[in-house]
Amino acid sequence: MAGLTQIEAAALAAHHVVEFNDAVAARNFSLFLLLFTDDAVIRFENVPGAGTLEYTGRDAYTKAYAEQPPDDKIDITGDVRIEDGDVVVPFCWQGDEGPGTMRLRYRQGPDEALDQWLVSAMTVVLPPPKAAGPEK
C-alpha cells in the first residue's frame, strides 16, 4: 500500500482491535464485519484441531463468525509494522496470553478518514502446535 505511514498503520491496527474486542464483549460481530470488503479473504493458520481455515466473501466469513464466534479479546503486544503492503500486528489473547500475528491488507479509502478504510484480506497466524514429546 503506497504511502501508508507507520502512524497510520498503527491507527488502523488499533481501530481494528478495538472493534474486534467490542464485538467479543457484545457477542455480536455484525458491526465488526462491516470493516471488511464484500470480497475479503479471512484466513486463520495453525488453528488448534483445524489447521488452516479460509473464508472468501461476506457470506462465508459472516457464517463462520456466526457459527464459531471468537470468545476472547486481544491486545497488541508490539510495534505494528508495514510489510509487503500489509499492516502486521503482533497480538496476544487476553485469556491465556497466547501469541499471534495478524496481517491486514486494506483497500484504501479517504486519506482523511482512516476509519473508513476496509480490510480486503486478513490472515491470523497462531503459533504452530507443539509436537508431542516422549512421555516420561
N, C-alpha and C. Protein backbone atom coordinates (compact mmCIF):
# COMPACT_ATOMS: atom_id res chain seq x y z
N MET A 1 0.86 -1.17 0.00
CA MET A 1 0.00 0.00 0.00
C MET A 1 0.90 1.23 0.00
N ALA A 2 0.83 1.97 -1.05
CA ALA A 2 1.71 3.12 -1.23
C ALA A 2 1.38 4.23 -0.24
N GLY A 3 2.40 4.75 0.38
CA GLY A 3 2.25 5.96 1.17
C GLY A 3 1.71 5.79 2.58
N LEU A 4 1.41 4.60 3.01
CA LEU A 4 0.91 4.40 4.36
C LEU A 4 2.06 4.59 5.34
N THR A 5 1.86 5.47 6.30
CA THR A 5 2.91 5.73 7.28
C THR A 5 2.78 4.77 8.46
N GLN A 6 3.84 4.70 9.25
CA GLN A 6 3.84 3.87 10.45
C GLN A 6 2.72 4.30 11.40
N ILE A 7 2.54 5.59 11.55
CA ILE A 7 1.49 6.12 12.44
C ILE A 7 0.11 5.72 11.93
N GLU A 8 -0.10 5.80 10.61
CA GLU A 8 -1.39 5.40 10.04
C GLU A 8 -1.62 3.90 10.22
N ALA A 9 -0.57 3.10 10.01
CA ALA A 9 -0.69 1.65 10.18
C ALA A 9 -1.07 1.32 11.63
N ALA A 10 -0.43 1.99 12.58
CA ALA A 10 -0.74 1.76 13.99
C ALA A 10 -2.18 2.18 14.30
N ALA A 11 -2.64 3.27 13.71
CA ALA A 11 -4.02 3.73 13.94
C ALA A 11 -5.02 2.74 13.35
N LEU A 12 -4.74 2.23 12.15
CA LEU A 12 -5.62 1.23 11.54
C LEU A 12 -5.69 -0.03 12.40
N ALA A 13 -4.54 -0.49 12.88
CA ALA A 13 -4.49 -1.69 13.71
C ALA A 13 -5.25 -1.47 15.02
N ALA A 14 -5.05 -0.33 15.65
CA ALA A 14 -5.73 -0.04 16.92
C ALA A 14 -7.24 -0.01 16.71
N HIS A 15 -7.70 0.60 15.64
CA HIS A 15 -9.13 0.66 15.35
C HIS A 15 -9.69 -0.75 15.15
N HIS A 16 -8.98 -1.57 14.41
CA HIS A 16 -9.41 -2.94 14.15
C HIS A 16 -9.53 -3.73 15.45
N VAL A 17 -8.54 -3.62 16.32
CA VAL A 17 -8.55 -4.37 17.58
C VAL A 17 -9.66 -3.87 18.50
N VAL A 18 -9.88 -2.58 18.58
CA VAL A 18 -10.98 -2.04 19.40
C VAL A 18 -12.32 -2.59 18.92
N GLU A 19 -12.53 -2.56 17.61
CA GLU A 19 -13.80 -3.05 17.05
C GLU A 19 -13.96 -4.55 17.31
N PHE A 20 -12.87 -5.31 17.18
CA PHE A 20 -12.91 -6.75 17.45
C PHE A 20 -13.27 -6.99 18.92
N ASN A 21 -12.57 -6.32 19.83
CA ASN A 21 -12.82 -6.52 21.25
C ASN A 21 -14.23 -6.10 21.64
N ASP A 22 -14.74 -5.04 21.04
CA ASP A 22 -16.13 -4.63 21.29
C ASP A 22 -17.10 -5.72 20.82
N ALA A 23 -16.80 -6.34 19.68
CA ALA A 23 -17.66 -7.41 19.15
C ALA A 23 -17.64 -8.63 20.07
N VAL A 24 -16.46 -8.97 20.57
CA VAL A 24 -16.36 -10.10 21.50
C VAL A 24 -17.19 -9.80 22.75
N ALA A 25 -17.05 -8.60 23.30
CA ALA A 25 -17.78 -8.24 24.51
C ALA A 25 -19.29 -8.26 24.28
N ALA A 26 -19.73 -7.82 23.12
CA ALA A 26 -21.16 -7.78 22.79
C ALA A 26 -21.69 -9.12 22.30
N ARG A 27 -20.75 -10.04 21.98
CA ARG A 27 -21.12 -11.33 21.38
C ARG A 27 -21.92 -11.12 20.11
N ASN A 28 -21.52 -10.09 19.36
CA ASN A 28 -22.19 -9.75 18.11
C ASN A 28 -21.13 -9.18 17.17
N PHE A 29 -20.88 -9.87 16.07
CA PHE A 29 -19.81 -9.48 15.16
C PHE A 29 -20.31 -8.72 13.93
N SER A 30 -21.58 -8.36 13.89
CA SER A 30 -22.13 -7.71 12.70
C SER A 30 -21.44 -6.38 12.39
N LEU A 31 -21.21 -5.55 13.40
CA LEU A 31 -20.53 -4.27 13.15
C LEU A 31 -19.06 -4.47 12.81
N PHE A 32 -18.42 -5.41 13.49
CA PHE A 32 -17.01 -5.70 13.21
C PHE A 32 -16.83 -6.13 11.76
N LEU A 33 -17.72 -6.97 11.27
CA LEU A 33 -17.58 -7.48 9.91
C LEU A 33 -17.83 -6.42 8.84
N LEU A 34 -18.39 -5.29 9.23
CA LEU A 34 -18.52 -4.17 8.29
C LEU A 34 -17.17 -3.54 7.97
N LEU A 35 -16.12 -3.90 8.74
CA LEU A 35 -14.77 -3.40 8.47
C LEU A 35 -14.14 -4.09 7.26
N PHE A 36 -14.79 -5.12 6.72
CA PHE A 36 -14.24 -5.91 5.62
C PHE A 36 -14.98 -5.64 4.32
N THR A 37 -14.26 -5.76 3.21
CA THR A 37 -14.89 -5.63 1.90
C THR A 37 -15.78 -6.85 1.66
N ASP A 38 -16.70 -6.73 0.72
CA ASP A 38 -17.60 -7.84 0.40
C ASP A 38 -16.84 -9.07 -0.10
N ASP A 39 -15.69 -8.84 -0.75
CA ASP A 39 -14.92 -9.95 -1.32
C ASP A 39 -13.67 -10.29 -0.49
N ALA A 40 -13.64 -9.84 0.75
CA ALA A 40 -12.47 -10.07 1.60
C ALA A 40 -12.20 -11.56 1.81
N VAL A 41 -10.92 -11.87 1.99
CA VAL A 41 -10.48 -13.22 2.33
C VAL A 41 -9.98 -13.18 3.77
N ILE A 42 -10.56 -14.02 4.61
CA ILE A 42 -10.15 -14.13 6.00
C ILE A 42 -9.59 -15.53 6.20
N ARG A 43 -8.35 -15.57 6.69
CA ARG A 43 -7.63 -16.85 6.81
C ARG A 43 -7.06 -16.97 8.22
N PHE A 44 -7.17 -18.17 8.78
CA PHE A 44 -6.61 -18.47 10.09
C PHE A 44 -5.66 -19.65 9.92
N GLU A 45 -4.42 -19.49 10.38
CA GLU A 45 -3.42 -20.55 10.25
C GLU A 45 -3.06 -21.11 11.63
N ASN A 46 -2.84 -22.43 11.66
CA ASN A 46 -2.44 -23.15 12.87
C ASN A 46 -3.54 -23.15 13.93
N VAL A 47 -4.79 -23.23 13.49
CA VAL A 47 -5.90 -23.29 14.43
C VAL A 47 -5.87 -24.67 15.11
N PRO A 48 -5.84 -24.70 16.44
CA PRO A 48 -5.80 -26.00 17.13
C PRO A 48 -6.96 -26.90 16.69
N GLY A 49 -6.61 -28.09 16.28
CA GLY A 49 -7.61 -29.06 15.87
C GLY A 49 -8.19 -28.86 14.48
N ALA A 50 -7.82 -27.77 13.80
CA ALA A 50 -8.41 -27.49 12.48
C ALA A 50 -7.37 -27.17 11.42
N GLY A 51 -6.18 -26.74 11.83
CA GLY A 51 -5.16 -26.37 10.84
C GLY A 51 -5.44 -25.00 10.26
N THR A 52 -5.64 -24.95 8.94
CA THR A 52 -5.89 -23.68 8.25
C THR A 52 -7.36 -23.59 7.87
N LEU A 53 -7.95 -22.45 8.16
CA LEU A 53 -9.33 -22.15 7.79
C LEU A 53 -9.32 -20.90 6.92
N GLU A 54 -10.11 -20.89 5.85
CA GLU A 54 -10.15 -19.72 4.98
C GLU A 54 -11.58 -19.48 4.52
N TYR A 55 -11.97 -18.23 4.54
CA TYR A 55 -13.32 -17.82 4.16
C TYR A 55 -13.21 -16.67 3.17
N THR A 56 -13.86 -16.82 2.03
CA THR A 56 -13.81 -15.81 0.99
C THR A 56 -15.20 -15.26 0.75
N GLY A 57 -15.33 -13.96 0.90
CA GLY A 57 -16.60 -13.29 0.64
C GLY A 57 -17.44 -13.12 1.89
N ARG A 58 -18.27 -12.09 1.86
CA ARG A 58 -19.08 -11.71 3.03
C ARG A 58 -19.95 -12.86 3.54
N ASP A 59 -20.59 -13.59 2.66
CA ASP A 59 -21.45 -14.68 3.12
C ASP A 59 -20.65 -15.72 3.90
N ALA A 60 -19.49 -16.10 3.38
CA ALA A 60 -18.68 -17.14 4.01
C ALA A 60 -18.13 -16.69 5.36
N TYR A 61 -17.55 -15.49 5.43
CA TYR A 61 -16.97 -15.10 6.72
C TYR A 61 -18.04 -14.71 7.74
N THR A 62 -19.18 -14.21 7.28
CA THR A 62 -20.26 -13.90 8.22
C THR A 62 -20.79 -15.20 8.85
N LYS A 63 -20.96 -16.23 8.03
CA LYS A 63 -21.40 -17.53 8.52
C LYS A 63 -20.39 -18.11 9.51
N ALA A 64 -19.10 -18.00 9.18
CA ALA A 64 -18.07 -18.54 10.07
C ALA A 64 -18.09 -17.86 11.43
N TYR A 65 -18.20 -16.54 11.45
CA TYR A 65 -18.23 -15.82 12.73
C TYR A 65 -19.52 -16.10 13.50
N ALA A 66 -20.61 -16.38 12.80
CA ALA A 66 -21.87 -16.72 13.48
C ALA A 66 -21.80 -18.11 14.09
N GLU A 67 -21.17 -19.05 13.37
CA GLU A 67 -21.11 -20.43 13.84
C GLU A 67 -20.04 -20.67 14.90
N GLN A 68 -18.92 -19.96 14.78
CA GLN A 68 -17.82 -20.13 15.74
C GLN A 68 -17.25 -18.77 16.12
N PRO A 69 -18.01 -17.98 16.87
CA PRO A 69 -17.52 -16.64 17.21
C PRO A 69 -16.35 -16.70 18.19
N PRO A 70 -15.37 -15.85 17.99
CA PRO A 70 -14.28 -15.76 18.98
C PRO A 70 -14.87 -15.37 20.34
N ASP A 71 -14.27 -15.89 21.39
CA ASP A 71 -14.77 -15.58 22.73
C ASP A 71 -13.70 -14.96 23.62
N ASP A 72 -12.61 -14.51 23.03
CA ASP A 72 -11.54 -13.90 23.81
C ASP A 72 -11.07 -12.64 23.08
N LYS A 73 -10.80 -11.62 23.85
CA LYS A 73 -10.29 -10.36 23.30
C LYS A 73 -8.78 -10.47 23.07
N ILE A 74 -8.25 -9.50 22.33
CA ILE A 74 -6.82 -9.48 22.06
C ILE A 74 -6.21 -8.13 22.44
N ASP A 75 -4.91 -8.14 22.65
CA ASP A 75 -4.13 -6.92 22.90
C ASP A 75 -2.98 -6.87 21.91
N ILE A 76 -2.66 -5.70 21.43
CA ILE A 76 -1.47 -5.51 20.59
C ILE A 76 -0.26 -5.59 21.51
N THR A 77 0.73 -6.39 21.13
CA THR A 77 1.85 -6.65 22.04
C THR A 77 3.20 -6.10 21.58
N GLY A 78 3.22 -5.43 20.47
CA GLY A 78 4.49 -4.90 19.98
C GLY A 78 4.23 -3.85 18.92
N ASP A 79 5.30 -3.49 18.24
CA ASP A 79 5.19 -2.47 17.21
C ASP A 79 4.46 -3.00 15.99
N VAL A 80 3.49 -2.24 15.54
CA VAL A 80 2.80 -2.52 14.28
C VAL A 80 3.73 -2.09 13.17
N ARG A 81 3.83 -2.93 12.13
CA ARG A 81 4.73 -2.58 11.03
C ARG A 81 4.02 -2.76 9.69
N ILE A 82 4.63 -2.24 8.66
CA ILE A 82 4.13 -2.39 7.31
C ILE A 82 5.08 -3.34 6.59
N GLU A 83 4.51 -4.39 5.99
CA GLU A 83 5.33 -5.40 5.32
C GLU A 83 4.59 -5.86 4.06
N ASP A 84 5.22 -5.66 2.92
CA ASP A 84 4.62 -6.06 1.64
C ASP A 84 3.21 -5.50 1.47
N GLY A 85 3.00 -4.28 1.90
CA GLY A 85 1.70 -3.63 1.76
C GLY A 85 0.69 -3.98 2.83
N ASP A 86 1.04 -4.90 3.73
CA ASP A 86 0.13 -5.31 4.80
C ASP A 86 0.48 -4.59 6.10
N VAL A 87 -0.52 -4.40 6.93
CA VAL A 87 -0.31 -3.92 8.29
C VAL A 87 -0.16 -5.17 9.15
N VAL A 88 1.00 -5.34 9.77
CA VAL A 88 1.31 -6.54 10.54
C VAL A 88 1.22 -6.20 12.02
N VAL A 89 0.38 -6.97 12.73
CA VAL A 89 0.04 -6.65 14.12
C VAL A 89 0.38 -7.84 15.02
N PRO A 90 1.39 -7.70 15.89
CA PRO A 90 1.62 -8.76 16.89
C PRO A 90 0.58 -8.61 17.99
N PHE A 91 0.01 -9.74 18.42
CA PHE A 91 -1.02 -9.66 19.45
C PHE A 91 -0.93 -10.86 20.37
N CYS A 92 -1.69 -10.79 21.47
CA CYS A 92 -1.89 -11.96 22.31
C CYS A 92 -3.35 -11.95 22.75
N TRP A 93 -3.83 -13.16 23.02
CA TRP A 93 -5.18 -13.32 23.55
C TRP A 93 -5.16 -12.90 25.01
N GLN A 94 -6.17 -12.20 25.46
CA GLN A 94 -6.21 -11.75 26.85
C GLN A 94 -6.35 -12.90 27.83
N GLY A 95 -7.08 -13.94 27.47
CA GLY A 95 -7.36 -15.04 28.40
C GLY A 95 -6.13 -15.85 28.74
N ASP A 96 -5.45 -16.38 27.73
CA ASP A 96 -4.30 -17.25 28.02
C ASP A 96 -2.97 -16.65 27.58
N GLU A 97 -3.01 -15.42 27.09
CA GLU A 97 -1.83 -14.70 26.61
C GLU A 97 -1.13 -15.42 25.47
N GLY A 98 -1.85 -16.30 24.77
CA GLY A 98 -1.29 -16.96 23.61
C GLY A 98 -1.00 -15.95 22.52
N PRO A 99 0.18 -16.03 21.90
CA PRO A 99 0.58 -15.04 20.91
C PRO A 99 0.00 -15.33 19.52
N GLY A 100 0.05 -14.33 18.70
CA GLY A 100 -0.34 -14.48 17.31
C GLY A 100 0.12 -13.27 16.52
N THR A 101 -0.05 -13.37 15.22
CA THR A 101 0.25 -12.25 14.33
C THR A 101 -0.93 -12.10 13.39
N MET A 102 -1.35 -10.87 13.19
CA MET A 102 -2.44 -10.58 12.29
C MET A 102 -1.91 -9.71 11.16
N ARG A 103 -2.20 -10.12 9.93
CA ARG A 103 -1.82 -9.34 8.75
C ARG A 103 -3.10 -8.78 8.14
N LEU A 104 -3.15 -7.48 8.00
CA LEU A 104 -4.32 -6.81 7.45
C LEU A 104 -3.94 -6.10 6.16
N ARG A 105 -4.68 -6.37 5.10
CA ARG A 105 -4.50 -5.65 3.84
C ARG A 105 -5.74 -4.78 3.66
N TYR A 106 -5.50 -3.52 3.40
CA TYR A 106 -6.60 -2.56 3.30
C TYR A 106 -6.84 -2.13 1.87
N ARG A 107 -8.10 -1.89 1.56
CA ARG A 107 -8.47 -1.20 0.34
C ARG A 107 -8.53 0.27 0.73
N GLN A 108 -7.69 1.05 0.11
CA GLN A 108 -7.53 2.44 0.51
C GLN A 108 -8.83 3.21 0.41
N GLY A 109 -9.08 3.99 1.45
CA GLY A 109 -10.24 4.87 1.49
C GLY A 109 -9.76 6.30 1.53
N PRO A 110 -10.60 7.22 1.98
CA PRO A 110 -10.21 8.62 2.05
C PRO A 110 -9.01 8.82 2.99
N ASP A 111 -8.02 9.57 2.52
CA ASP A 111 -6.82 9.80 3.34
C ASP A 111 -7.16 10.42 4.69
N GLU A 112 -8.17 11.26 4.73
CA GLU A 112 -8.50 11.96 5.97
C GLU A 112 -9.40 11.14 6.89
N ALA A 113 -9.79 9.93 6.45
CA ALA A 113 -10.71 9.12 7.24
C ALA A 113 -10.25 7.66 7.26
N LEU A 114 -9.18 7.39 8.00
CA LEU A 114 -8.66 6.02 8.06
C LEU A 114 -9.70 5.02 8.56
N ASP A 115 -10.63 5.47 9.41
CA ASP A 115 -11.63 4.55 9.94
C ASP A 115 -12.64 4.10 8.88
N GLN A 116 -12.54 4.67 7.67
CA GLN A 116 -13.40 4.24 6.57
C GLN A 116 -12.69 3.28 5.61
N TRP A 117 -11.41 3.00 5.86
CA TRP A 117 -10.69 2.03 5.04
C TRP A 117 -11.21 0.64 5.39
N LEU A 118 -11.34 -0.21 4.39
CA LEU A 118 -11.87 -1.55 4.61
C LEU A 118 -10.78 -2.60 4.41
N VAL A 119 -10.87 -3.67 5.17
CA VAL A 119 -9.93 -4.78 5.08
C VAL A 119 -10.33 -5.67 3.91
N SER A 120 -9.39 -5.89 2.99
CA SER A 120 -9.66 -6.79 1.86
C SER A 120 -9.07 -8.18 2.10
N ALA A 121 -8.16 -8.28 3.05
CA ALA A 121 -7.60 -9.60 3.42
C ALA A 121 -7.09 -9.52 4.85
N MET A 122 -7.37 -10.57 5.61
CA MET A 122 -6.85 -10.69 6.96
C MET A 122 -6.35 -12.12 7.13
N THR A 123 -5.12 -12.23 7.60
CA THR A 123 -4.56 -13.53 7.94
C THR A 123 -4.13 -13.49 9.40
N VAL A 124 -4.66 -14.42 10.17
CA VAL A 124 -4.29 -14.55 11.58
C VAL A 124 -3.46 -15.81 11.69
N VAL A 125 -2.21 -15.64 12.15
CA VAL A 125 -1.29 -16.76 12.27
C VAL A 125 -1.04 -17.01 13.76
N LEU A 126 -1.40 -18.20 14.17
CA LEU A 126 -1.14 -18.64 15.54
C LEU A 126 0.12 -19.48 15.53
N PRO A 127 0.78 -19.64 16.68
CA PRO A 127 1.98 -20.47 16.70
C PRO A 127 1.63 -21.91 16.30
N PRO A 128 2.56 -22.57 15.62
CA PRO A 128 2.29 -23.98 15.28
C PRO A 128 2.11 -24.80 16.55
N PRO A 129 1.27 -25.83 16.46
CA PRO A 129 1.09 -26.67 17.65
C PRO A 129 2.41 -27.34 18.03
N LYS A 130 2.60 -27.50 19.31
CA LYS A 130 3.83 -28.16 19.78
C LYS A 130 3.71 -29.64 19.52
N ALA A 131 4.80 -30.19 19.03
CA ALA A 131 4.83 -31.63 18.79
C ALA A 131 4.82 -32.36 20.12
N ALA A 132 4.10 -33.43 20.15
CA ALA A 132 4.05 -34.23 21.39
C ALA A 132 5.41 -34.90 21.59
N GLY A 133 5.96 -34.70 22.73
CA GLY A 133 7.25 -35.31 23.05
C GLY A 133 7.06 -36.67 23.66
N PRO A 134 8.14 -37.37 23.87
CA PRO A 134 8.03 -38.69 24.51
C PRO A 134 7.56 -38.55 25.95
N GLU A 135 6.73 -39.47 26.35
CA GLU A 135 6.25 -39.44 27.73
C GLU A 135 7.34 -39.87 28.68
N LYS A 136 7.35 -39.27 29.86
CA LYS A 136 8.35 -39.60 30.86
C LYS A 136 7.72 -40.28 32.03
